[in-house]
């Protein structure tokens, strides 16, 4: 699980991009892969999301997918900064192969005036 913010410093009113790459390094397809991103709604508003997703309160929930062996799936969230400060995006990945232990990651962007 890799996550990138571009840019890492964004001004209020400007857009930024969160890109998340999920790689299956195994020899078999990863089944029931689900990615959730908790958005810091006090700091940003969601603009565009890819691929398919549903919105739930302060989360973007991407459609559940299977990722073939040795392949990477890319997910993106475009957001607009609305309030200065540090904005933390909390990412949670679940999949059959992970059992009851999700993979989590946090990424922060600095929002300036």
N, C-alpha and C. Protein backbone atom coordinates (compact mmCIF):
# COMPACT_ATOMS: atom_id res chain seq x y z
N UNK A 1 0.86 -1.17 0.00
CA UNK A 1 0.00 0.00 0.00
C UNK A 1 0.90 1.23 0.00
N UNK A 2 0.78 2.02 -1.07
CA UNK A 2 1.53 3.27 -1.16
C UNK A 2 0.53 4.39 -1.36
N UNK A 3 0.80 5.54 -0.74
CA UNK A 3 -0.07 6.69 -0.89
C UNK A 3 0.79 7.94 -1.09
N UNK A 4 0.32 8.79 -2.01
CA UNK A 4 1.05 10.00 -2.35
C UNK A 4 0.08 11.18 -2.37
N UNK A 5 0.52 12.32 -1.85
CA UNK A 5 -0.24 13.56 -1.93
C UNK A 5 0.48 14.51 -2.87
N UNK A 6 -0.26 15.13 -3.76
CA UNK A 6 0.33 16.08 -4.69
C UNK A 6 -0.60 17.27 -4.82
N UNK A 7 -0.18 18.44 -4.40
CA UNK A 7 1.09 18.73 -3.73
C UNK A 7 1.00 18.42 -2.24
N UNK A 8 2.12 18.53 -1.53
CA UNK A 8 2.12 18.30 -0.08
C UNK A 8 1.79 19.57 0.68
N UNK A 9 1.80 20.70 -0.02
CA UNK A 9 1.38 21.99 0.53
C UNK A 9 0.41 22.60 -0.47
N UNK A 10 -0.81 22.86 -0.03
CA UNK A 10 -1.84 23.40 -0.92
C UNK A 10 -2.51 24.60 -0.24
N UNK A 11 -2.89 25.58 -1.03
CA UNK A 11 -3.55 26.78 -0.50
C UNK A 11 -5.06 26.58 -0.46
N UNK A 12 -5.72 27.27 0.47
CA UNK A 12 -7.17 27.23 0.55
C UNK A 12 -7.75 27.63 -0.82
N UNK A 13 -8.75 26.87 -1.26
CA UNK A 13 -9.38 27.12 -2.55
C UNK A 13 -8.76 26.36 -3.70
N UNK A 14 -7.60 25.78 -3.49
CA UNK A 14 -6.90 25.02 -4.54
C UNK A 14 -7.17 23.53 -4.38
N UNK A 15 -6.91 22.80 -5.47
CA UNK A 15 -7.13 21.35 -5.45
C UNK A 15 -5.84 20.59 -5.23
N UNK A 16 -5.99 19.40 -4.66
CA UNK A 16 -4.88 18.48 -4.47
C UNK A 16 -5.34 17.09 -4.85
N UNK A 17 -4.39 16.17 -4.93
CA UNK A 17 -4.67 14.80 -5.36
C UNK A 17 -4.03 13.80 -4.40
N UNK A 18 -4.84 12.87 -3.94
CA UNK A 18 -4.36 11.73 -3.16
C UNK A 18 -4.39 10.52 -4.07
N UNK A 19 -3.24 9.90 -4.30
CA UNK A 19 -3.14 8.70 -5.13
C UNK A 19 -2.74 7.54 -4.25
N UNK A 20 -3.46 6.43 -4.36
CA UNK A 20 -3.19 5.24 -3.55
C UNK A 20 -2.96 4.08 -4.51
N UNK A 21 -1.86 3.38 -4.32
CA UNK A 21 -1.55 2.19 -5.12
C UNK A 21 -1.57 0.96 -4.23
N UNK A 22 -2.36 -0.03 -4.64
CA UNK A 22 -2.43 -1.30 -3.91
C UNK A 22 -1.84 -2.37 -4.83
N UNK A 23 -0.76 -2.99 -4.38
CA UNK A 23 -0.06 -3.99 -5.18
C UNK A 23 -0.24 -5.37 -4.58
N UNK A 24 -0.61 -6.31 -5.42
CA UNK A 24 -0.69 -7.72 -5.02
C UNK A 24 0.63 -8.36 -5.43
N UNK A 25 1.47 -8.65 -4.47
CA UNK A 25 2.78 -9.26 -4.74
C UNK A 25 2.72 -10.78 -4.75
N UNK A 26 1.54 -11.32 -4.42
CA UNK A 26 1.39 -12.77 -4.34
C UNK A 26 1.25 -13.45 -5.69
N UNK A 27 1.15 -14.78 -5.64
CA UNK A 27 1.03 -15.59 -6.84
C UNK A 27 -0.40 -15.87 -7.26
N UNK A 28 -1.38 -15.45 -6.43
CA UNK A 28 -2.79 -15.65 -6.74
C UNK A 28 -3.51 -14.32 -6.63
N UNK A 29 -4.70 -14.25 -7.23
CA UNK A 29 -5.50 -13.03 -7.16
C UNK A 29 -5.85 -12.71 -5.71
N UNK A 30 -5.79 -11.44 -5.36
CA UNK A 30 -6.23 -10.98 -4.04
C UNK A 30 -7.73 -10.71 -4.15
N UNK A 31 -8.52 -11.36 -3.31
CA UNK A 31 -9.97 -11.26 -3.41
C UNK A 31 -10.55 -10.33 -2.35
N UNK A 32 -11.69 -9.73 -2.71
CA UNK A 32 -12.43 -8.84 -1.81
C UNK A 32 -11.56 -7.73 -1.22
N UNK A 33 -10.81 -7.11 -2.11
CA UNK A 33 -9.96 -5.99 -1.71
C UNK A 33 -10.84 -4.75 -1.60
N UNK A 34 -10.84 -4.15 -0.42
CA UNK A 34 -11.64 -2.93 -0.24
C UNK A 34 -10.78 -1.84 0.39
N UNK A 35 -10.89 -0.66 -0.18
CA UNK A 35 -10.13 0.49 0.28
C UNK A 35 -11.09 1.57 0.75
N UNK A 36 -10.80 2.10 1.94
CA UNK A 36 -11.59 3.21 2.50
C UNK A 36 -10.64 4.35 2.81
N UNK A 37 -11.11 5.56 2.54
CA UNK A 37 -10.32 6.74 2.87
C UNK A 37 -11.18 7.67 3.71
N UNK A 38 -10.73 7.93 4.92
CA UNK A 38 -11.41 8.88 5.79
C UNK A 38 -10.87 10.27 5.44
N UNK A 39 -11.79 11.15 5.04
CA UNK A 39 -11.40 12.50 4.64
C UNK A 39 -11.50 13.45 5.83
N UNK A 40 -10.55 14.37 5.94
CA UNK A 40 -10.62 15.39 6.99
C UNK A 40 -11.61 16.48 6.54
N UNK A 41 -12.91 16.21 6.70
CA UNK A 41 -13.97 17.09 6.16
C UNK A 41 -13.92 18.51 6.70
N UNK A 42 -13.28 18.71 7.85
CA UNK A 42 -13.15 20.07 8.35
C UNK A 42 -12.11 20.87 7.57
N UNK A 43 -11.27 20.18 6.80
CA UNK A 43 -10.19 20.84 6.06
C UNK A 43 -10.33 20.76 4.55
N UNK A 44 -10.99 19.69 4.04
CA UNK A 44 -11.09 19.50 2.59
C UNK A 44 -12.50 19.05 2.19
N UNK A 45 -12.81 19.27 0.92
CA UNK A 45 -14.04 18.71 0.37
C UNK A 45 -13.68 17.87 -0.85
N UNK A 46 -14.38 16.78 -0.96
CA UNK A 46 -14.14 15.83 -2.05
C UNK A 46 -14.61 16.43 -3.36
N UNK A 47 -13.82 16.25 -4.43
CA UNK A 47 -14.16 16.76 -5.76
C UNK A 47 -14.41 15.62 -6.74
N UNK A 48 -13.40 14.78 -6.95
CA UNK A 48 -13.50 13.65 -7.88
C UNK A 48 -12.86 12.43 -7.24
N UNK A 49 -13.41 11.26 -7.58
CA UNK A 49 -12.89 10.00 -7.05
C UNK A 49 -12.89 8.99 -8.19
N UNK A 50 -11.84 8.16 -8.25
CA UNK A 50 -11.76 7.13 -9.28
C UNK A 50 -11.06 5.91 -8.71
N UNK A 51 -11.44 4.69 -9.00
CA UNK A 51 -12.62 4.29 -9.77
C UNK A 51 -13.90 4.41 -8.94
N UNK A 52 -14.89 3.57 -9.23
CA UNK A 52 -16.20 3.64 -8.59
C UNK A 52 -16.09 3.62 -7.07
N UNK A 53 -17.01 4.35 -6.43
CA UNK A 53 -16.98 4.48 -4.97
C UNK A 53 -18.38 4.81 -4.48
N UNK A 54 -18.52 4.76 -3.16
CA UNK A 54 -19.70 5.31 -2.50
C UNK A 54 -19.20 6.25 -1.41
N UNK A 55 -19.98 7.25 -1.12
CA UNK A 55 -19.61 8.20 -0.07
C UNK A 55 -20.42 7.86 1.17
N UNK A 56 -19.74 7.82 2.30
CA UNK A 56 -20.40 7.53 3.58
C UNK A 56 -19.85 8.48 4.62
N UNK A 57 -20.69 9.41 5.08
CA UNK A 57 -20.30 10.40 6.10
C UNK A 57 -18.97 11.06 5.73
N UNK A 58 -17.91 10.73 6.42
CA UNK A 58 -16.61 11.35 6.14
C UNK A 58 -15.66 10.40 5.42
N UNK A 59 -16.22 9.39 4.77
CA UNK A 59 -15.40 8.37 4.09
C UNK A 59 -15.72 8.26 2.61
N UNK A 60 -14.70 7.89 1.86
CA UNK A 60 -14.87 7.41 0.50
C UNK A 60 -14.62 5.91 0.57
N UNK A 61 -15.58 5.11 0.10
CA UNK A 61 -15.45 3.66 0.11
C UNK A 61 -15.40 3.20 -1.34
N UNK A 62 -14.23 2.74 -1.77
CA UNK A 62 -14.08 2.29 -3.14
C UNK A 62 -14.75 0.93 -3.32
N UNK A 63 -15.18 0.64 -4.54
CA UNK A 63 -15.83 -0.64 -4.83
C UNK A 63 -14.85 -1.77 -4.50
N UNK A 64 -15.39 -2.88 -4.05
CA UNK A 64 -14.59 -4.06 -3.74
C UNK A 64 -14.10 -4.66 -5.05
N UNK A 65 -12.81 -5.00 -5.10
CA UNK A 65 -12.22 -5.53 -6.33
C UNK A 65 -11.39 -6.77 -6.02
N UNK A 66 -11.05 -7.48 -7.09
CA UNK A 66 -10.04 -8.54 -7.03
C UNK A 66 -8.83 -8.00 -7.80
N UNK A 67 -7.66 -8.15 -7.23
CA UNK A 67 -6.45 -7.68 -7.90
C UNK A 67 -5.64 -8.90 -8.33
N UNK A 68 -5.41 -9.07 -9.64
CA UNK A 68 -4.66 -10.22 -10.12
C UNK A 68 -3.24 -10.27 -9.53
N UNK A 69 -2.66 -11.44 -9.54
CA UNK A 69 -1.30 -11.63 -9.03
C UNK A 69 -0.34 -10.70 -9.77
N UNK A 70 0.60 -10.16 -9.01
CA UNK A 70 1.67 -9.30 -9.55
C UNK A 70 1.14 -8.06 -10.26
N UNK A 71 -0.02 -7.55 -9.84
CA UNK A 71 -0.61 -6.36 -10.47
C UNK A 71 -0.85 -5.28 -9.42
N UNK A 72 -0.98 -4.05 -9.90
CA UNK A 72 -1.25 -2.89 -9.04
C UNK A 72 -2.54 -2.22 -9.49
N UNK A 73 -3.36 -1.86 -8.53
CA UNK A 73 -4.60 -1.11 -8.78
C UNK A 73 -4.40 0.29 -8.19
N UNK A 74 -4.81 1.31 -8.94
CA UNK A 74 -4.63 2.69 -8.50
C UNK A 74 -5.97 3.33 -8.20
N UNK A 75 -6.04 4.04 -7.08
CA UNK A 75 -7.24 4.74 -6.62
C UNK A 75 -6.87 6.20 -6.41
N UNK A 76 -7.77 7.13 -6.76
CA UNK A 76 -7.46 8.54 -6.58
C UNK A 76 -8.63 9.31 -5.98
N UNK A 77 -8.28 10.32 -5.20
CA UNK A 77 -9.25 11.26 -4.64
C UNK A 77 -8.73 12.67 -4.90
N UNK A 78 -9.50 13.44 -5.66
CA UNK A 78 -9.18 14.86 -5.86
C UNK A 78 -9.99 15.64 -4.84
N UNK A 79 -9.35 16.56 -4.15
CA UNK A 79 -10.02 17.32 -3.11
C UNK A 79 -9.71 18.81 -3.28
N UNK A 80 -10.52 19.64 -2.63
CA UNK A 80 -10.29 21.08 -2.59
C UNK A 80 -10.08 21.47 -1.14
N UNK A 81 -9.01 22.22 -0.89
CA UNK A 81 -8.71 22.68 0.46
C UNK A 81 -9.67 23.80 0.85
N UNK A 82 -10.25 23.69 2.06
CA UNK A 82 -11.23 24.69 2.49
C UNK A 82 -10.85 25.40 3.80
N UNK A 83 -9.90 24.86 4.54
CA UNK A 83 -9.54 25.42 5.84
C UNK A 83 -8.05 25.23 6.07
N UNK A 84 -7.33 26.28 6.51
CA UNK A 84 -5.89 26.13 6.77
C UNK A 84 -5.60 25.15 7.91
N UNK A 85 -4.43 24.54 7.86
CA UNK A 85 -3.98 23.62 8.90
C UNK A 85 -3.51 22.31 8.30
N UNK A 86 -3.23 21.35 9.16
CA UNK A 86 -2.82 20.02 8.71
C UNK A 86 -4.06 19.17 8.49
N UNK A 87 -4.14 18.53 7.34
CA UNK A 87 -5.27 17.66 7.02
C UNK A 87 -4.75 16.24 6.89
N UNK A 88 -5.28 15.34 7.71
CA UNK A 88 -4.87 13.94 7.72
C UNK A 88 -5.88 13.07 6.99
N UNK A 89 -5.39 12.30 6.01
CA UNK A 89 -6.20 11.31 5.31
C UNK A 89 -5.87 9.95 5.92
N UNK A 90 -6.88 9.24 6.37
CA UNK A 90 -6.67 7.92 6.98
C UNK A 90 -7.16 6.85 6.00
N UNK A 91 -6.25 5.95 5.65
CA UNK A 91 -6.51 4.94 4.62
C UNK A 91 -6.56 3.57 5.29
N UNK A 92 -7.57 2.78 4.89
CA UNK A 92 -7.73 1.45 5.47
C UNK A 92 -7.98 0.46 4.33
N UNK A 93 -7.17 -0.59 4.29
CA UNK A 93 -7.25 -1.63 3.26
C UNK A 93 -7.61 -2.96 3.91
N UNK A 94 -8.65 -3.60 3.39
CA UNK A 94 -9.00 -4.95 3.83
C UNK A 94 -9.04 -5.87 2.62
N UNK A 95 -8.82 -7.15 2.86
CA UNK A 95 -8.87 -8.17 1.81
C UNK A 95 -8.95 -9.53 2.48
N UNK A 96 -9.46 -10.51 1.75
CA UNK A 96 -9.57 -11.87 2.31
C UNK A 96 -8.23 -12.36 2.86
N UNK A 97 -7.16 -12.12 2.12
CA UNK A 97 -5.84 -12.62 2.52
C UNK A 97 -5.31 -11.96 3.78
N UNK A 98 -5.87 -10.81 4.14
CA UNK A 98 -5.40 -10.10 5.34
C UNK A 98 -6.10 -10.56 6.61
N UNK A 99 -7.16 -11.34 6.47
CA UNK A 99 -7.91 -11.79 7.64
C UNK A 99 -8.55 -10.62 8.35
N UNK A 100 -8.48 -10.62 9.67
CA UNK A 100 -9.11 -9.57 10.47
C UNK A 100 -8.20 -8.37 10.73
N UNK A 101 -7.03 -8.35 10.11
CA UNK A 101 -6.07 -7.29 10.38
C UNK A 101 -5.93 -6.39 9.14
N UNK A 102 -6.60 -5.24 9.14
CA UNK A 102 -6.48 -4.35 7.99
C UNK A 102 -5.11 -3.67 7.94
N UNK A 103 -4.74 -3.21 6.75
CA UNK A 103 -3.54 -2.40 6.59
C UNK A 103 -4.00 -0.95 6.65
N UNK A 104 -3.34 -0.16 7.47
CA UNK A 104 -3.72 1.25 7.61
C UNK A 104 -2.53 2.15 7.31
N UNK A 105 -2.85 3.35 6.87
CA UNK A 105 -1.81 4.34 6.57
C UNK A 105 -2.43 5.71 6.73
N UNK A 106 -1.63 6.68 7.16
CA UNK A 106 -2.09 8.05 7.27
C UNK A 106 -1.15 8.94 6.46
N UNK A 107 -1.75 9.90 5.76
CA UNK A 107 -0.99 10.86 4.98
C UNK A 107 -1.53 12.25 5.33
N UNK A 108 -0.62 13.21 5.45
CA UNK A 108 -1.04 14.56 5.80
C UNK A 108 -0.63 15.55 4.72
N UNK A 109 -1.49 16.54 4.52
CA UNK A 109 -1.18 17.65 3.63
C UNK A 109 -1.26 18.92 4.47
N UNK A 110 -0.40 19.85 4.19
CA UNK A 110 -0.43 21.14 4.88
C UNK A 110 -1.21 22.12 4.01
N UNK A 111 -2.22 22.72 4.61
CA UNK A 111 -3.06 23.67 3.89
C UNK A 111 -2.74 25.08 4.39
N UNK A 112 -2.29 25.91 3.46
CA UNK A 112 -1.95 27.29 3.80
C UNK A 112 -3.02 28.26 3.29
N UNK A 113 -2.90 29.48 3.71
CA UNK A 113 -3.89 30.50 3.27
C UNK A 113 -3.62 30.89 1.89
